[in-house]
Amino acid sequence: MPHLRKRIYVDAEVQGALIRRVIVHWAAFAAALAVILGAVQFFTNPLGSFDEHLALFPRRHGLTFIVLILLLPAFLWDTARLTHRFSGPVLRLRRMMKELAAGEDPGELRFRDGDFWKELGDHFNGIRARLVQAGELCEASSAVAANDPKASNGSH
């Protein structure tokens, strides 16, 4: 059975930047949509006053913006889930590289099903295997268990 993620938001720097970007794009889209809908409304009745158009706008287009607002959390959740598929593996790789640089054997790096950049894990494992073969690494008592997704505390 594949190990399911318990946390979606694991890398505030990377995931936060992408989520902020989605919010900016969403806001730009909403503003552009408001301008376009306002222009269309004006051209359907060019003799109407600004106040009339302003009063009519929410009645005509309110539902559109309610739907748009309701979609934002879904967009953000999906962005967080998607970005976790690459930020989680890189976070794990970074932690294991730090252990490797300290001369400890962090164990084999395994990514979850659906993660991006699995070849990074393969390259890391090749480097680790050469270091183990050369006798360059000392066994860390909990390193293998700490990097096993099934034994981890769900941090990614």
Protein backbone atom coordinates (compact mmCIF):
# COMPACT_ATOMS: atom_id res chain seq x y z
CA MET A 1 0.00 0.00 0.00
CA PRO A 2 1.51 3.39 -0.96
CA HIS A 3 2.39 5.81 1.81
CA LEU A 4 -0.09 8.69 1.83
CA ARG A 5 0.98 12.22 2.61
CA LYS A 6 -0.18 13.63 5.92
CA ARG A 7 0.99 17.17 5.24
CA ILE A 8 0.62 18.96 1.93
CA TYR A 9 2.41 22.21 2.76
CA VAL A 10 6.04 21.26 3.54
CA ASP A 11 8.24 23.91 1.91
CA ALA A 12 7.06 27.43 2.74
CA GLU A 13 9.60 29.08 0.45
CA VAL A 14 8.80 27.18 -2.75
CA GLN A 15 5.18 26.25 -2.20
CA GLY A 16 4.40 29.65 -0.67
CA ALA A 17 5.84 31.46 -3.69
CA LEU A 18 3.77 29.38 -6.10
CA ILE A 19 0.59 29.76 -4.06
CA ARG A 20 1.12 33.54 -3.90
CA ARG A 21 1.59 33.53 -7.68
CA VAL A 22 -1.69 31.66 -8.17
CA ILE A 23 -3.45 34.25 -5.98
CA VAL A 24 -1.96 37.10 -8.05
CA HIS A 25 -3.02 35.42 -11.31
CA TRP A 26 -6.49 34.76 -9.92
CA ALA A 27 -6.86 38.40 -8.82
CA ALA A 28 -5.64 39.65 -12.22
CA PHE A 29 -8.15 37.37 -13.94
CA ALA A 30 -10.98 38.60 -11.67
CA ALA A 31 -10.06 42.24 -12.35
CA ALA A 32 -9.86 41.66 -16.11
CA LEU A 33 -13.19 39.84 -16.02
CA ALA A 34 -14.80 42.74 -14.14
CA VAL A 35 -13.52 45.23 -16.69
CA ILE A 36 -14.69 43.10 -19.63
CA LEU A 37 -18.12 42.49 -18.10
CA GLY A 38 -18.44 46.17 -17.26
CA ALA A 39 -17.55 47.15 -20.82
CA VAL A 40 -20.02 44.66 -22.29
CA GLN A 41 -22.71 45.95 -19.93
CA PHE A 42 -21.95 49.54 -20.94
CA PHE A 43 -22.10 48.74 -24.67
CA THR A 44 -25.47 46.99 -24.28
CA ASN A 45 -26.87 50.27 -22.91
CA PRO A 46 -24.51 53.14 -23.76
CA LEU A 47 -27.08 55.78 -22.75
CA GLY A 48 -27.32 54.51 -19.16
CA SER A 49 -25.61 56.51 -16.43
CA PHE A 50 -22.54 55.28 -14.57
CA ASP A 51 -24.65 54.91 -11.40
CA GLU A 52 -27.19 52.76 -13.25
CA HIS A 53 -24.46 50.50 -14.60
CA LEU A 54 -22.83 50.29 -11.19
CA ALA A 55 -26.13 49.34 -9.53
CA LEU A 56 -26.92 46.76 -12.22
CA PHE A 57 -23.47 45.13 -12.24
CA PRO A 58 -23.86 43.00 -9.05
CA ARG A 59 -27.31 41.77 -10.12
CA ARG A 60 -26.07 40.74 -13.55
CA HIS A 61 -22.64 39.40 -12.67
CA GLY A 62 -22.69 38.71 -8.93
CA LEU A 63 -23.07 34.96 -9.35
CA THR A 64 -20.05 34.89 -11.66
CA PHE A 65 -17.88 36.47 -8.98
CA ILE A 66 -19.31 34.28 -6.22
CA VAL A 67 -18.31 31.22 -8.26
CA LEU A 68 -14.90 32.75 -8.90
CA ILE A 69 -14.39 33.35 -5.16
CA LEU A 70 -15.52 29.82 -4.33
CA LEU A 71 -13.03 28.38 -6.84
CA LEU A 72 -10.01 30.10 -5.25
CA PRO A 73 -9.62 27.63 -2.33
CA ALA A 74 -9.80 24.71 -4.78
CA PHE A 75 -7.11 26.33 -6.93
CA LEU A 76 -4.88 26.88 -3.89
CA TRP A 77 -5.40 23.34 -2.54
CA ASP A 78 -4.61 21.83 -5.93
CA THR A 79 -1.51 24.02 -6.26
CA ALA A 80 -0.29 22.93 -2.82
CA ARG A 81 -0.86 19.25 -3.67
CA LEU A 82 0.87 19.54 -7.04
CA THR A 83 3.85 21.47 -5.67
CA HIS A 84 4.26 18.89 -2.91
CA ARG A 85 5.03 16.33 -5.61
CA PHE A 86 8.32 18.14 -6.29
CA SER A 87 9.01 20.10 -3.11
CA GLY A 88 8.60 17.03 -0.88
CA PRO A 89 11.16 14.93 -2.80
CA VAL A 90 13.65 17.80 -2.97
CA LEU A 91 13.22 18.42 0.77
CA ARG A 92 13.92 14.74 1.44
CA LEU A 93 16.90 14.78 -0.97
CA ARG A 94 18.31 17.88 0.72
CA ARG A 95 18.07 16.28 4.18
CA MET A 96 19.70 13.06 2.99
CA MET A 97 22.49 14.94 1.17
CA LYS A 98 23.27 16.73 4.44
CA GLU A 99 23.59 13.35 6.20
CA LEU A 100 25.74 12.02 3.34
CA ALA A 101 28.01 15.09 3.53
CA ALA A 102 28.43 14.44 7.26
CA GLY A 103 29.74 10.95 6.42
CA GLU A 104 26.60 9.16 7.62
CA ASP A 105 24.73 6.57 5.61
CA PRO A 106 21.23 7.97 5.23
CA GLY A 107 19.94 4.81 3.59
CA GLU A 108 18.36 4.52 0.19
CA LEU A 109 16.32 7.46 -1.08
CA ARG A 110 12.81 6.48 -2.17
CA PHE A 111 10.16 8.80 -3.51
CA ARG A 112 6.43 8.18 -3.35
CA ASP A 113 4.30 7.16 -6.31
CA GLY A 114 3.40 10.26 -8.28
CA ASP A 115 6.42 12.30 -7.13
CA PHE A 116 8.39 14.23 -9.71
CA TRP A 117 12.13 13.89 -10.29
CA LYS A 118 12.49 10.24 -9.36
CA GLU A 119 15.71 10.18 -11.37
CA LEU A 120 17.26 12.45 -8.69
CA GLY A 121 16.69 9.63 -6.21
CA ASP A 122 18.30 7.15 -8.58
CA HIS A 123 21.35 9.40 -9.00
CA PHE A 124 21.59 9.97 -5.25
CA ASN A 125 21.36 6.23 -4.59
CA GLY A 126 24.13 5.60 -7.14
CA ILE A 127 26.41 8.09 -5.39
CA ARG A 128 25.52 6.64 -1.99
CA ALA A 129 26.22 3.08 -3.22
CA ARG A 130 29.69 4.10 -4.46
CA LEU A 131 30.46 5.73 -1.11
CA VAL A 132 29.24 2.66 0.78
CA GLN A 133 31.36 0.44 -1.48
CA ALA A 134 34.39 2.63 -0.85
CA GLY A 135 33.80 2.45 2.90
CA GLU A 136 33.37 6.23 3.14
CA LEU A 137 30.15 6.17 5.19
CA CYS A 138 29.54 5.24 8.81
CA GLU A 139 26.27 3.59 9.74
CA ALA A 140 23.88 5.97 11.49
CA SER A 141 21.62 4.03 13.83
CA SER A 142 18.32 5.64 12.84
CA ALA A 143 19.19 6.96 9.37
CA VAL A 144 17.55 4.20 7.38
CA ALA A 145 14.31 4.31 9.41
CA ALA A 146 14.22 8.13 9.31
CA ASN A 147 14.19 8.12 5.51
CA ASP A 148 11.70 5.31 5.07
CA PRO A 149 8.39 6.96 4.09
CA LYS A 150 6.50 4.25 5.98
CA ALA A 151 8.51 4.89 9.13
CA SER A 152 8.54 8.67 8.87
CA ASN A 153 6.38 10.96 10.94
CA GLY A 154 4.51 12.22 7.88
CA SER A 155 6.52 15.37 7.45
CA HIS A 156 6.03 15.26 3.68
